[in-house]
């Protein structure tokens, strides 16, 4: 699965948040500054072509829905991100954030608790 552009990710976030719908529905979901309708329509078409969205023709419009679930995309993206930037080491990822003061000791304790006591 390829990494989406920022514009494509924003469109997918709107689709995931709204559920299935029309371009106008997704445009209403996006926060300001909103892209022009035609830009979003092009992005949605590209996402359909890439296999992220499915479309159903209704009268003169298309209703779109996500084919790729948000959780699946996040998982694949994060695995690729950790692989590309941290040599497949989640420890190095956490160390990076700790060194840059982006994660607190209490956050780390919470993460350790989640690791030691996973919820099924």
PDB file of N, CA and C in Angstrom:
ATOM      1  N   UNK A   1       0.864  -1.178   0.000  1.00  0.00           N
ATOM      2  CA  UNK A   1       0.000   0.000   0.000  1.00  0.00           C
ATOM      3  C   UNK A   1       0.905   1.234   0.000  1.00  0.00           C
ATOM      4  N   UNK A   2       0.642   2.119  -0.925  1.00  0.00           N
ATOM      5  CA  UNK A   2       1.487   3.301  -1.016  1.00  0.00           C
ATOM      6  C   UNK A   2       1.097   4.360   0.013  1.00  0.00           C
ATOM      7  N   UNK A   3       2.071   5.191   0.349  1.00  0.00           N
ATOM      8  CA  UNK A   3       1.848   6.306   1.264  1.00  0.00           C
ATOM      9  C   UNK A   3       1.048   7.365   0.513  1.00  0.00           C
ATOM     10  N   UNK A   4       0.032   7.890   1.163  1.00  0.00           N
ATOM     11  CA  UNK A   4      -0.791   8.925   0.545  1.00  0.00           C
ATOM     12  C   UNK A   4      -0.154  10.292   0.728  1.00  0.00           C
ATOM     13  N   UNK A   5      -0.463  11.189  -0.204  1.00  0.00           N
ATOM     14  CA  UNK A   5      -0.022  12.579  -0.061  1.00  0.00           C
ATOM     15  C   UNK A   5      -0.835  13.228   1.060  1.00  0.00           C
ATOM     16  N   UNK A   6      -0.394  14.385   1.505  1.00  0.00           N
ATOM     17  CA  UNK A   6      -1.120  15.082   2.566  1.00  0.00           C
ATOM     18  C   UNK A   6      -2.554  15.386   2.126  1.00  0.00           C
ATOM     19  N   UNK A   7      -2.731  15.788   0.895  1.00  0.00           N
ATOM     20  CA  UNK A   7      -4.053  16.093   0.351  1.00  0.00           C
ATOM     21  C   UNK A   7      -4.928  14.831   0.319  1.00  0.00           C
ATOM     22  N   UNK A   8      -4.342  13.707  -0.071  1.00  0.00           N
ATOM     23  CA  UNK A   8      -5.081  12.446  -0.110  1.00  0.00           C
ATOM     24  C   UNK A   8      -5.438  11.978   1.302  1.00  0.00           C
ATOM     25  N   UNK A   9      -4.499  12.138   2.232  1.00  0.00           N
ATOM     26  CA  UNK A   9      -4.783  11.759   3.623  1.00  0.00           C
ATOM     27  C   UNK A   9      -5.919  12.600   4.204  1.00  0.00           C
ATOM     28  N   UNK A  10      -5.918  13.892   3.901  1.00  0.00           N
ATOM     29  CA  UNK A  10      -6.985  14.768   4.385  1.00  0.00           C
ATOM     30  C   UNK A  10      -8.343  14.310   3.833  1.00  0.00           C
ATOM     31  N   UNK A  11      -8.362  13.942   2.557  1.00  0.00           N
ATOM     32  CA  UNK A  11      -9.605  13.459   1.945  1.00  0.00           C
ATOM     33  C   UNK A  11     -10.036  12.136   2.585  1.00  0.00           C
ATOM     34  N   UNK A  12      -9.091  11.229   2.803  1.00  0.00           N
ATOM     35  CA  UNK A  12      -9.429   9.946   3.425  1.00  0.00           C
ATOM     36  C   UNK A  12      -9.919  10.150   4.854  1.00  0.00           C
ATOM     37  N   UNK A  13      -9.327  11.081   5.584  1.00  0.00           N
ATOM     38  CA  UNK A  13      -9.794  11.376   6.944  1.00  0.00           C
ATOM     39  C   UNK A  13     -11.264  11.804   6.899  1.00  0.00           C
ATOM     40  N   UNK A  14     -11.609  12.628   5.915  1.00  0.00           N
ATOM     41  CA  UNK A  14     -13.000  13.081   5.777  1.00  0.00           C
ATOM     42  C   UNK A  14     -13.919  11.899   5.462  1.00  0.00           C
ATOM     43  N   UNK A  15     -13.470  10.998   4.597  1.00  0.00           N
ATOM     44  CA  UNK A  15     -14.279   9.828   4.243  1.00  0.00           C
ATOM     45  C   UNK A  15     -14.452   8.938   5.472  1.00  0.00           C
ATOM     46  N   UNK A  16     -13.349   8.656   6.167  1.00  0.00           N
ATOM     47  CA  UNK A  16     -13.433   7.802   7.359  1.00  0.00           C
ATOM     48  C   UNK A  16     -14.324   8.425   8.428  1.00  0.00           C
ATOM     49  N   UNK A  17     -14.232   9.734   8.575  1.00  0.00           N
ATOM     50  CA  UNK A  17     -15.030  10.418   9.595  1.00  0.00           C
ATOM     51  C   UNK A  17     -16.511  10.424   9.222  1.00  0.00           C
ATOM     52  N   UNK A  18     -16.803  10.666   7.963  1.00  0.00           N
ATOM     53  CA  UNK A  18     -18.195  10.803   7.520  1.00  0.00           C
ATOM     54  C   UNK A  18     -18.848   9.458   7.225  1.00  0.00           C
ATOM     55  N   UNK A  19     -18.046   8.508   6.792  1.00  0.00           N
ATOM     56  CA  UNK A  19     -18.601   7.251   6.295  1.00  0.00           C
ATOM     57  C   UNK A  19     -18.881   7.417   4.814  1.00  0.00           C
ATOM     58  N   UNK A  20     -19.708   6.589   4.242  1.00  0.00           N
ATOM     59  CA  UNK A  20     -19.957   6.748   2.808  1.00  0.00           C
ATOM     60  C   UNK A  20     -20.741   8.025   2.548  1.00  0.00           C
ATOM     61  N   UNK A  21     -20.473   8.611   1.369  1.00  0.00           N
ATOM     62  CA  UNK A  21     -21.163   9.850   1.031  1.00  0.00           C
ATOM     63  C   UNK A  21     -20.697  10.413  -0.293  1.00  0.00           C
ATOM     64  N   UNK A  22     -21.145  11.615  -0.539  1.00  0.00           N
ATOM     65  CA  UNK A  22     -20.831  12.323  -1.774  1.00  0.00           C
ATOM     66  C   UNK A  22     -19.731  13.351  -1.494  1.00  0.00           C
ATOM     67  N   UNK A  23     -19.115  13.844  -2.539  1.00  0.00           N
ATOM     68  CA  UNK A  23     -18.009  14.787  -2.387  1.00  0.00           C
ATOM     69  C   UNK A  23     -18.425  15.971  -1.519  1.00  0.00           C
ATOM     70  N   UNK A  24     -19.623  16.484  -1.708  1.00  0.00           N
ATOM     71  CA  UNK A  24     -20.100  17.618  -0.893  1.00  0.00           C
ATOM     72  C   UNK A  24     -20.102  17.251   0.594  1.00  0.00           C
ATOM     73  N   UNK A  25     -20.502  16.022   0.921  1.00  0.00           N
ATOM     74  CA  UNK A  25     -20.498  15.570   2.319  1.00  0.00           C
ATOM     75  C   UNK A  25     -19.083  15.618   2.893  1.00  0.00           C
ATOM     76  N   UNK A  26     -18.124  15.136   2.116  1.00  0.00           N
ATOM     77  CA  UNK A  26     -16.741  15.107   2.587  1.00  0.00           C
ATOM     78  C   UNK A  26     -16.179  16.517   2.706  1.00  0.00           C
ATOM     79  N   UNK A  27     -16.556  17.379   1.763  1.00  0.00           N
ATOM     80  CA  UNK A  27     -16.104  18.768   1.812  1.00  0.00           C
ATOM     81  C   UNK A  27     -16.611  19.444   3.079  1.00  0.00           C
ATOM     82  N   UNK A  28     -17.846  19.163   3.461  1.00  0.00           N
ATOM     83  CA  UNK A  28     -18.408  19.731   4.688  1.00  0.00           C
ATOM     84  C   UNK A  28     -17.676  19.233   5.933  1.00  0.00           C
ATOM     85  N   UNK A  29     -17.087  18.052   5.861  1.00  0.00           N
ATOM     86  CA  UNK A  29     -16.390  17.450   6.989  1.00  0.00           C
ATOM     87  C   UNK A  29     -14.997  18.051   7.195  1.00  0.00           C
ATOM     88  N   UNK A  30     -14.376  18.515   6.111  1.00  0.00           N
ATOM     89  CA  UNK A  30     -13.012  19.059   6.169  1.00  0.00           C
ATOM     90  C   UNK A  30     -13.029  20.422   6.842  1.00  0.00           C
ATOM     91  N   UNK A  31     -12.031  20.654   7.705  1.00  0.00           N
ATOM     92  CA  UNK A  31     -11.925  21.939   8.397  1.00  0.00           C
ATOM     93  C   UNK A  31     -11.306  22.991   7.474  1.00  0.00           C
ATOM     94  N   UNK A  32     -11.474  24.238   7.857  1.00  0.00           N
ATOM     95  CA  UNK A  32     -10.902  25.353   7.094  1.00  0.00           C
ATOM     96  C   UNK A  32      -9.383  25.316   7.183  1.00  0.00           C
ATOM     97  N   UNK A  33      -8.689  25.708   6.149  1.00  0.00           N
ATOM     98  CA  UNK A  33      -9.190  26.118   4.836  1.00  0.00           C
ATOM     99  C   UNK A  33      -9.542  24.890   3.995  1.00  0.00           C
ATOM    100  N   UNK A  34     -10.752  24.890   3.479  1.00  0.00           N
ATOM    101  CA  UNK A  34     -11.238  23.780   2.666  1.00  0.00           C
ATOM    102  C   UNK A  34     -10.665  23.884   1.253  1.00  0.00           C
ATOM    103  N   UNK A  35     -10.377  22.741   0.645  1.00  0.00           N
ATOM    104  CA  UNK A  35      -9.940  22.782  -0.760  1.00  0.00           C
ATOM    105  C   UNK A  35     -11.137  23.116  -1.647  1.00  0.00           C
ATOM    106  N   UNK A  36     -10.901  23.607  -2.848  1.00  0.00           N
ATOM    107  CA  UNK A  36     -12.013  23.810  -3.784  1.00  0.00           C
ATOM    108  C   UNK A  36     -12.690  22.463  -4.083  1.00  0.00           C
ATOM    109  N   UNK A  37     -13.968  22.509  -4.388  1.00  0.00           N
ATOM    110  CA  UNK A  37     -14.752  21.301  -4.677  1.00  0.00           C
ATOM    111  C   UNK A  37     -14.068  20.466  -5.758  1.00  0.00           C
ATOM    112  N   UNK A  38     -13.615  21.117  -6.833  1.00  0.00           N
ATOM    113  CA  UNK A  38     -13.015  20.373  -7.952  1.00  0.00           C
ATOM    114  C   UNK A  38     -11.707  19.692  -7.536  1.00  0.00           C
ATOM    115  N   UNK A  39     -10.950  20.316  -6.652  1.00  0.00           N
ATOM    116  CA  UNK A  39      -9.706  19.712  -6.161  1.00  0.00           C
ATOM    117  C   UNK A  39     -10.025  18.467  -5.352  1.00  0.00           C
ATOM    118  N   UNK A  40     -11.005  18.573  -4.463  1.00  0.00           N
ATOM    119  CA  UNK A  40     -11.400  17.409  -3.668  1.00  0.00           C
ATOM    120  C   UNK A  40     -11.939  16.304  -4.577  1.00  0.00           C
ATOM    121  N   UNK A  41     -12.726  16.673  -5.574  1.00  0.00           N
ATOM    122  CA  UNK A  41     -13.277  15.679  -6.504  1.00  0.00           C
ATOM    123  C   UNK A  41     -12.148  14.937  -7.224  1.00  0.00           C
ATOM    124  N   UNK A  42     -11.124  15.643  -7.652  1.00  0.00           N
ATOM    125  CA  UNK A  42      -9.975  15.009  -8.315  1.00  0.00           C
ATOM    126  C   UNK A  42      -9.241  14.083  -7.352  1.00  0.00           C
ATOM    127  N   UNK A  43      -9.067  14.533  -6.122  1.00  0.00           N
ATOM    128  CA  UNK A  43      -8.381  13.727  -5.115  1.00  0.00           C
ATOM    129  C   UNK A  43      -9.167  12.453  -4.827  1.00  0.00           C
ATOM    130  N   UNK A  44     -10.482  12.588  -4.695  1.00  0.00           N
ATOM    131  CA  UNK A  44     -11.350  11.429  -4.444  1.00  0.00           C
ATOM    132  C   UNK A  44     -11.254  10.437  -5.611  1.00  0.00           C
ATOM    133  N   UNK A  45     -11.265  10.929  -6.840  1.00  0.00           N
ATOM    134  CA  UNK A  45     -11.136  10.060  -8.018  1.00  0.00           C
ATOM    135  C   UNK A  45      -9.796   9.322  -8.002  1.00  0.00           C
ATOM    136  N   UNK A  46      -8.721  10.038  -7.633  1.00  0.00           N
ATOM    137  CA  UNK A  46      -7.397   9.404  -7.545  1.00  0.00           C
ATOM    138  C   UNK A  46      -7.401   8.302  -6.485  1.00  0.00           C
ATOM    139  N   UNK A  47      -8.050   8.560  -5.354  1.00  0.00           N
ATOM    140  CA  UNK A  47      -8.128   7.568  -4.287  1.00  0.00           C
ATOM    141  C   UNK A  47      -8.921   6.341  -4.738  1.00  0.00           C
ATOM    142  N   UNK A  48      -9.942   6.576  -5.542  1.00  0.00           N
ATOM    143  CA  UNK A  48     -10.711   5.456  -6.096  1.00  0.00           C
ATOM    144  C   UNK A  48      -9.821   4.642  -7.042  1.00  0.00           C
ATOM    145  N   UNK A  49      -9.084   5.333  -7.900  1.00  0.00           N
ATOM    146  CA  UNK A  49      -8.202   4.676  -8.858  1.00  0.00           C
ATOM    147  C   UNK A  49      -7.113   3.862  -8.143  1.00  0.00           C
ATOM    148  N   UNK A  50      -6.647   4.363  -6.992  1.00  0.00           N
ATOM    149  CA  UNK A  50      -5.607   3.680  -6.214  1.00  0.00           C
ATOM    150  C   UNK A  50      -6.163   2.537  -5.368  1.00  0.00           C
ATOM    151  N   UNK A  51      -7.494   2.393  -5.321  1.00  0.00           N
ATOM    152  CA  UNK A  51      -8.097   1.296  -4.592  1.00  0.00           C
ATOM    153  C   UNK A  51      -8.415   1.583  -3.138  1.00  0.00           C
ATOM    154  N   UNK A  52      -8.359   2.847  -2.729  1.00  0.00           N
ATOM    155  CA  UNK A  52      -8.694   3.212  -1.359  1.00  0.00           C
ATOM    156  C   UNK A  52     -10.197   3.426  -1.180  1.00  0.00           C
ATOM    157  N   UNK A  53     -10.871   3.808  -2.264  1.00  0.00           N
ATOM    158  CA  UNK A  53     -12.304   4.094  -2.218  1.00  0.00           C
ATOM    159  C   UNK A  53     -13.043   3.284  -3.277  1.00  0.00           C
ATOM    160  N   UNK A  54     -14.288   2.995  -2.969  1.00  0.00           N
ATOM    161  CA  UNK A  54     -15.192   2.405  -3.944  1.00  0.00           C
ATOM    162  C   UNK A  54     -16.258   3.434  -4.276  1.00  0.00           C
ATOM    163  N   UNK A  55     -16.860   3.320  -5.457  1.00  0.00           N
ATOM    164  CA  UNK A  55     -17.872   4.292  -5.876  1.00  0.00           C
ATOM    165  C   UNK A  55     -19.103   3.569  -6.413  1.00  0.00           C
ATOM    166  N   UNK A  56     -20.248   4.181  -6.131  1.00  0.00           N
ATOM    167  CA  UNK A  56     -21.524   3.686  -6.637  1.00  0.00           C
ATOM    168  C   UNK A  56     -22.213   4.856  -7.326  1.00  0.00           C
ATOM    169  N   UNK A  57     -22.568   4.658  -8.604  1.00  0.00           N
ATOM    170  CA  UNK A  57     -23.226   5.735  -9.340  1.00  0.00           C
ATOM    171  C   UNK A  57     -24.688   5.804  -8.935  1.00  0.00           C
ATOM    172  N   UNK A  58     -25.107   6.997  -8.538  1.00  0.00           N
ATOM    173  CA  UNK A  58     -26.497   7.258  -8.182  1.00  0.00           C
ATOM    174  C   UNK A  58     -26.924   8.497  -8.960  1.00  0.00           C
ATOM    175  N   UNK A  59     -27.820   8.290  -9.928  1.00  0.00           N
ATOM    176  CA  UNK A  59     -28.251   9.361 -10.831  1.00  0.00           C
ATOM    177  C   UNK A  59     -27.012   9.950 -11.510  1.00  0.00           C
ATOM    178  N   UNK A  60     -26.763  11.249 -11.336  1.00  0.00           N
ATOM    179  CA  UNK A  60     -25.620  11.894 -11.980  1.00  0.00           C
ATOM    180  C   UNK A  60     -24.428  12.038 -11.048  1.00  0.00           C
ATOM    181  N   UNK A  61     -24.473  11.425  -9.884  1.00  0.00           N
ATOM    182  CA  UNK A  61     -23.409  11.561  -8.895  1.00  0.00           C
ATOM    183  C   UNK A  61     -22.855  10.200  -8.510  1.00  0.00           C
ATOM    184  N   UNK A  62     -21.749  10.245  -7.785  1.00  0.00           N
ATOM    185  CA  UNK A  62     -21.157   9.027  -7.246  1.00  0.00           C
ATOM    186  C   UNK A  62     -21.140   9.114  -5.731  1.00  0.00           C
ATOM    187  N   UNK A  63     -21.501   8.005  -5.101  1.00  0.00           N
ATOM    188  CA  UNK A  63     -21.394   7.904  -3.649  1.00  0.00           C
ATOM    189  C   UNK A  63     -20.153   7.043  -3.379  1.00  0.00           C
ATOM    190  N   UNK A  64     -19.274   7.557  -2.538  1.00  0.00           N
ATOM    191  CA  UNK A  64     -18.008   6.900  -2.254  1.00  0.00           C
ATOM    192  C   UNK A  64     -17.997   6.328  -0.853  1.00  0.00           C
ATOM    193  N   UNK A  65     -17.213   5.254  -0.708  1.00  0.00           N
ATOM    194  CA  UNK A  65     -16.987   4.701   0.630  1.00  0.00           C
ATOM    195  C   UNK A  65     -15.575   4.125   0.668  1.00  0.00           C
ATOM    196  N   UNK A  66     -15.020   4.090   1.859  1.00  0.00           N
ATOM    197  CA  UNK A  66     -13.660   3.588   2.038  1.00  0.00           C
ATOM    198  C   UNK A  66     -13.623   2.077   1.853  1.00  0.00           C
ATOM    199  N   UNK A  67     -12.641   1.628   1.126  1.00  0.00           N
ATOM    200  CA  UNK A  67     -12.377   0.199   0.989  1.00  0.00           C
ATOM    201  C   UNK A  67     -11.297  -0.191   2.005  1.00  0.00           C
ATOM    202  N   UNK A  68     -10.347   0.707   2.203  1.00  0.00           N
ATOM    203  CA  UNK A  68      -9.276   0.507   3.179  1.00  0.00           C
ATOM    204  C   UNK A  68      -9.719   1.122   4.493  1.00  0.00           C
ATOM    205  N   UNK A  69      -9.699   0.341   5.552  1.00  0.00           N
ATOM    206  CA  UNK A  69     -10.074   0.858   6.872  1.00  0.00           C
ATOM    207  C   UNK A  69      -8.968   1.739   7.422  1.00  0.00           C
ATOM    208  N   UNK A  70      -9.371   2.732   8.200  1.00  0.00           N
ATOM    209  CA  UNK A  70      -8.414   3.683   8.774  1.00  0.00           C
ATOM    210  C   UNK A  70      -7.345   2.959   9.592  1.00  0.00           C
ATOM    211  N   UNK A  71      -7.747   2.007  10.394  1.00  0.00           N
ATOM    212  CA  UNK A  71      -6.803   1.286  11.251  1.00  0.00           C
ATOM    213  C   UNK A  71      -5.784   0.511  10.417  1.00  0.00           C
ATOM    214  N   UNK A  72      -6.235  -0.064   9.303  1.00  0.00           N
ATOM    215  CA  UNK A  72      -5.331  -0.803   8.421  1.00  0.00           C
ATOM    216  C   UNK A  72      -4.300   0.139   7.803  1.00  0.00           C
ATOM    217  N   UNK A  73      -4.754   1.314   7.344  1.00  0.00           N
ATOM    218  CA  UNK A  73      -3.833   2.282   6.756  1.00  0.00           C
ATOM    219  C   UNK A  73      -2.814   2.752   7.795  1.00  0.00           C
ATOM    220  N   UNK A  74      -3.285   3.082   8.994  1.00  0.00           N
ATOM    221  CA  UNK A  74      -2.374   3.539  10.056  1.00  0.00           C
ATOM    222  C   UNK A  74      -1.318   2.482  10.359  1.00  0.00           C
ATOM    223  N   UNK A  75      -1.760   1.239  10.460  1.00  0.00           N
ATOM    224  CA  UNK A  75      -0.842   0.155  10.794  1.00  0.00           C
ATOM    225  C   UNK A  75       0.240   0.020   9.721  1.00  0.00           C
ATOM    226  N   UNK A  76      -0.177  -0.003   8.466  1.00  0.00           N
ATOM    227  CA  UNK A  76       0.799  -0.144   7.373  1.00  0.00           C
ATOM    228  C   UNK A  76       1.699   1.080   7.275  1.00  0.00           C
ATOM    229  N   UNK A  77       1.113   2.262   7.446  1.00  0.00           N
ATOM    230  CA  UNK A  77       1.907   3.481   7.376  1.00  0.00           C
ATOM    231  C   UNK A  77       2.949   3.512   8.491  1.00  0.00           C
ATOM    232  N   UNK A  78       2.524   3.211   9.715  1.00  0.00           N
ATOM    233  CA  UNK A  78       3.448   3.258  10.848  1.00  0.00           C
ATOM    234  C   UNK A  78       4.540   2.211  10.714  1.00  0.00           C
ATOM    235  N   UNK A  79       4.198   1.017  10.247  1.00  0.00           N
ATOM    236  CA  UNK A  79       5.224  -0.004  10.033  1.00  0.00           C
ATOM    237  C   UNK A  79       6.262   0.473   9.019  1.00  0.00           C
ATOM    238  N   UNK A  80       5.798   1.095   7.944  1.00  0.00           N
ATOM    239  CA  UNK A  80       6.713   1.636   6.937  1.00  0.00           C
ATOM    240  C   UNK A  80       7.533   2.788   7.482  1.00  0.00           C
ATOM    241  N   UNK A  81       6.903   3.646   8.265  1.00  0.00           N
ATOM    242  CA  UNK A  81       7.581   4.804   8.856  1.00  0.00           C
ATOM    243  C   UNK A  81       8.701   4.344   9.787  1.00  0.00           C
ATOM    244  N   UNK A  82       8.398   3.397  10.664  1.00  0.00           N
ATOM    245  CA  UNK A  82       9.396   2.893  11.608  1.00  0.00           C
ATOM    246  C   UNK A  82      10.519   2.194  10.849  1.00  0.00           C
ATOM    247  N   UNK A  83      10.157   1.460   9.826  1.00  0.00           N
ATOM    248  CA  UNK A  83      11.166   0.785   9.011  1.00  0.00           C
ATOM    249  C   UNK A  83      12.076   1.788   8.305  1.00  0.00           C
ATOM    250  N   UNK A  84      11.485   2.802   7.679  1.00  0.00           N
ATOM    251  CA  UNK A  84      12.247   3.777   6.901  1.00  0.00           C
ATOM    252  C   UNK A  84      13.111   4.701   7.750  1.00  0.00           C
ATOM    253  N   UNK A  85      12.607   5.137   8.906  1.00  0.00           N
ATOM    254  CA  UNK A  85      13.294   6.157   9.685  1.00  0.00           C
ATOM    255  C   UNK A  85      13.967   5.651  10.957  1.00  0.00           C
ATOM    256  N   UNK A  86      13.582   4.470  11.423  1.00  0.00           N
ATOM    257  CA  UNK A  86      14.123   3.979  12.698  1.00  0.00           C
ATOM    258  C   UNK A  86      14.626   2.543  12.604  1.00  0.00           C
ATOM    259  N   UNK A  87      14.964   2.105  11.392  1.00  0.00           N
ATOM    260  CA  UNK A  87      15.542   0.789  11.146  1.00  0.00           C
ATOM    261  C   UNK A  87      14.752  -0.329  11.834  1.00  0.00           C
ATOM    262  N   UNK A  88      13.434  -0.256  11.728  1.00  0.00           N
ATOM    263  CA  UNK A  88      12.518  -1.255  12.300  1.00  0.00           C
ATOM    264  C   UNK A  88      12.583  -1.346  13.824  1.00  0.00           C
ATOM    265  N   UNK A  89      13.042  -0.291  14.477  1.00  0.00           N
ATOM    266  CA  UNK A  89      13.164  -0.316  15.936  1.00  0.00           C
ATOM    267  C   UNK A  89      12.165   0.654  16.570  1.00  0.00           C
ATOM    268  N   UNK A  90      11.148   0.085  17.224  1.00  0.00           N
ATOM    269  CA  UNK A  90      10.191   0.920  17.937  1.00  0.00           C
ATOM    270  C   UNK A  90      10.852   1.542  19.165  1.00  0.00           C
ATOM    271  N   UNK A  91      11.864   0.866  19.692  1.00  0.00           N
ATOM    272  CA  UNK A  91      12.633   1.426  20.805  1.00  0.00           C
ATOM    273  C   UNK A  91      13.300   2.734  20.366  1.00  0.00           C
ATOM    274  N   UNK A  92      13.902   2.726  19.176  1.00  0.00           N
ATOM    275  CA  UNK A  92      14.537   3.948  18.662  1.00  0.00           C
ATOM    276  C   UNK A  92      13.503   5.052  18.430  1.00  0.00           C
ATOM    277  N   UNK A  93      12.311   4.664  18.006  1.00  0.00           N
ATOM    278  CA  UNK A  93      11.231   5.629  17.808  1.00  0.00           C
ATOM    279  C   UNK A  93      10.877   6.313  19.132  1.00  0.00           C
ATOM    280  N   UNK A  94      10.665   5.514  20.168  1.00  0.00           N
ATOM    281  CA  UNK A  94      10.311   6.063  21.479  1.00  0.00           C
ATOM    282  C   UNK A  94      11.464   6.884  22.036  1.00  0.00           C
ATOM    283  N   UNK A  95      12.694   6.417  21.853  1.00  0.00           N
ATOM    284  CA  UNK A  95      13.874   7.160  22.310  1.00  0.00           C
ATOM    285  C   UNK A  95      13.948   8.520  21.637  1.00  0.00           C
ATOM    286  N   UNK A  96      13.662   8.553  20.344  1.00  0.00           N
ATOM    287  CA  UNK A  96      13.663   9.820  19.611  1.00  0.00           C
ATOM    288  C   UNK A  96      12.698  10.816  20.246  1.00  0.00           C
ATOM    289  N   UNK A  97      11.481  10.360  20.535  1.00  0.00           N
ATOM    290  CA  UNK A  97      10.489  11.251  21.132  1.00  0.00           C
ATOM    291  C   UNK A  97      10.868  11.643  22.559  1.00  0.00           C
ATOM    292  N   UNK A  98      11.461  10.725  23.296  1.00  0.00           N
ATOM    293  CA  UNK A  98      11.882  11.041  24.664  1.00  0.00           C
ATOM    294  C   UNK A  98      12.994  12.084  24.653  1.00  0.00           C
ATOM    295  N   UNK A  99      13.975  11.930  23.772  1.00  0.00           N
ATOM    296  CA  UNK A  99      15.090  12.885  23.685  1.00  0.00           C
ATOM    297  C   UNK A  99      14.616  14.270  23.266  1.00  0.00           C
ATOM    298  N   UNK A 100      13.575  14.309  22.453  1.00  0.00           N
ATOM    299  CA  UNK A 100      13.051  15.590  21.971  1.00  0.00           C
ATOM    300  C   UNK A 100      11.915  16.112  22.848  1.00  0.00           C
ATOM    301  N   UNK A 101      11.767  15.500  24.007  1.00  0.00           N
ATOM    302  CA  UNK A 101      10.771  15.918  25.007  1.00  0.00           C
ATOM    303  C   UNK A 101       9.358  15.990  24.430  1.00  0.00           C
ATOM    304  N   UNK A 102       9.025  14.998  23.617  1.00  0.00           N
ATOM    305  CA  UNK A 102       7.687  14.900  23.022  1.00  0.00           C
ATOM    306  C   UNK A 102       6.850  13.836  23.721  1.00  0.00           C
ATOM    307  N   UNK A 103       7.481  13.146  24.682  1.00  0.00           N
ATOM    308  CA  UNK A 103       6.777  12.126  25.445  1.00  0.00           C
ATOM    309  C   UNK A 103       7.255  12.230  26.890  1.00  0.00           C
ATOM    310  N   UNK A 104       6.334  12.151  27.810  1.00  0.00           N
ATOM    311  CA  UNK A 104       6.670  12.324  29.227  1.00  0.00           C
ATOM    312  C   UNK A 104       6.926  10.978  29.906  1.00  0.00           C
ATOM    313  N   UNK A 105       7.498  11.052  31.095  1.00  0.00           N
ATOM    314  CA  UNK A 105       7.741   9.844  31.881  1.00  0.00           C
ATOM    315  C   UNK A 105       6.421   9.141  32.203  1.00  0.00           C
ATOM    316  N   UNK A 106       5.386   9.919  32.490  1.00  0.00           N
ATOM    317  CA  UNK A 106       4.085   9.299  32.785  1.00  0.00           C
ATOM    318  C   UNK A 106       3.514   8.618  31.541  1.00  0.00           C
ATOM    319  N   UNK A 107       3.738   9.201  30.357  1.00  0.00           N
ATOM    320  CA  UNK A 107       3.317   8.552  29.111  1.00  0.00           C
ATOM    321  C   UNK A 107       4.049   7.219  28.942  1.00  0.00           C
ATOM    322  N   UNK A 108       5.352   7.221  29.220  1.00  0.00           N
ATOM    323  CA  UNK A 108       6.143   5.999  29.087  1.00  0.00           C
ATOM    324  C   UNK A 108       5.673   4.931  30.071  1.00  0.00           C
ATOM    325  N   UNK A 109       5.346   5.349  31.290  1.00  0.00           N
ATOM    326  CA  UNK A 109       4.838   4.393  32.277  1.00  0.00           C
ATOM    327  C   UNK A 109       3.522   3.784  31.794  1.00  0.00           C
ATOM    328  N   UNK A 110       2.681   4.616  31.195  1.00  0.00           N
ATOM    329  CA  UNK A 110       1.409   4.129  30.661  1.00  0.00           C
ATOM    330  C   UNK A 110       1.630   3.130  29.526  1.00  0.00           C
ATOM    331  N   UNK A 111       2.608   3.428  28.665  1.00  0.00           N
ATOM    332  CA  UNK A 111       2.946   2.521  27.565  1.00  0.00           C
ATOM    333  C   UNK A 111       3.464   1.186  28.115  1.00  0.00           C
ATOM    334  N   UNK A 112       4.332   1.266  29.121  1.00  0.00           N
ATOM    335  CA  UNK A 112       4.856   0.041  29.741  1.00  0.00           C
ATOM    336  C   UNK A 112       3.716  -0.776  30.334  1.00  0.00           C
ATOM    337  N   UNK A 113       2.784  -0.106  30.986  1.00  0.00           N
ATOM    338  CA  UNK A 113       1.627  -0.796  31.551  1.00  0.00           C
ATOM    339  C   UNK A 113       0.805  -1.487  30.459  1.00  0.00           C
ATOM    340  N   UNK A 114       0.634  -0.804  29.319  1.00  0.00           N
ATOM    341  CA  UNK A 114      -0.108  -1.410  28.200  1.00  0.00           C
ATOM    342  C   UNK A 114       0.606  -2.634  27.648  1.00  0.00           C
ATOM    343  N   UNK A 115       1.945  -2.571  27.638  1.00  0.00           N
ATOM    344  CA  UNK A 115       2.728  -3.705  27.136  1.00  0.00           C
ATOM    345  C   UNK A 115       2.637  -4.880  28.107  1.00  0.00           C
ATOM    346  N   UNK A 116       2.771  -4.576  29.397  1.00  0.00           N
ATOM    347  CA  UNK A 116       2.756  -5.634  30.419  1.00  0.00           C
ATOM    348  C   UNK A 116       1.361  -6.192  30.679  1.00  0.00           C
ATOM    349  N   UNK A 117       0.340  -5.397  30.455  1.00  0.00           N
ATOM    350  CA  UNK A 117      -1.033  -5.812  30.715  1.00  0.00           C
ATOM    351  C   UNK A 117      -1.918  -5.540  29.493  1.00  0.00           C
ATOM    352  N   UNK A 118      -1.664  -6.246  28.395  1.00  0.00           N
ATOM    353  CA  UNK A 118      -2.457  -5.974  27.181  1.00  0.00           C
ATOM    354  C   UNK A 118      -3.912  -6.346  27.369  1.00  0.00           C
ATOM    355  N   UNK A 119      -4.763  -5.526  26.806  1.00  0.00           N
ATOM    356  CA  UNK A 119      -6.205  -5.826  26.814  1.00  0.00           C
ATOM    357  C   UNK A 119      -6.522  -6.554  25.518  1.00  0.00           C
ATOM    358  N   UNK A 120      -7.197  -7.639  25.657  1.00  0.00           N
ATOM    359  CA  UNK A 120      -7.526  -8.457  24.473  1.00  0.00           C
ATOM    360  C   UNK A 120      -8.562  -7.793  23.638  1.00  0.00           C
TER     361      UNK A 120
END
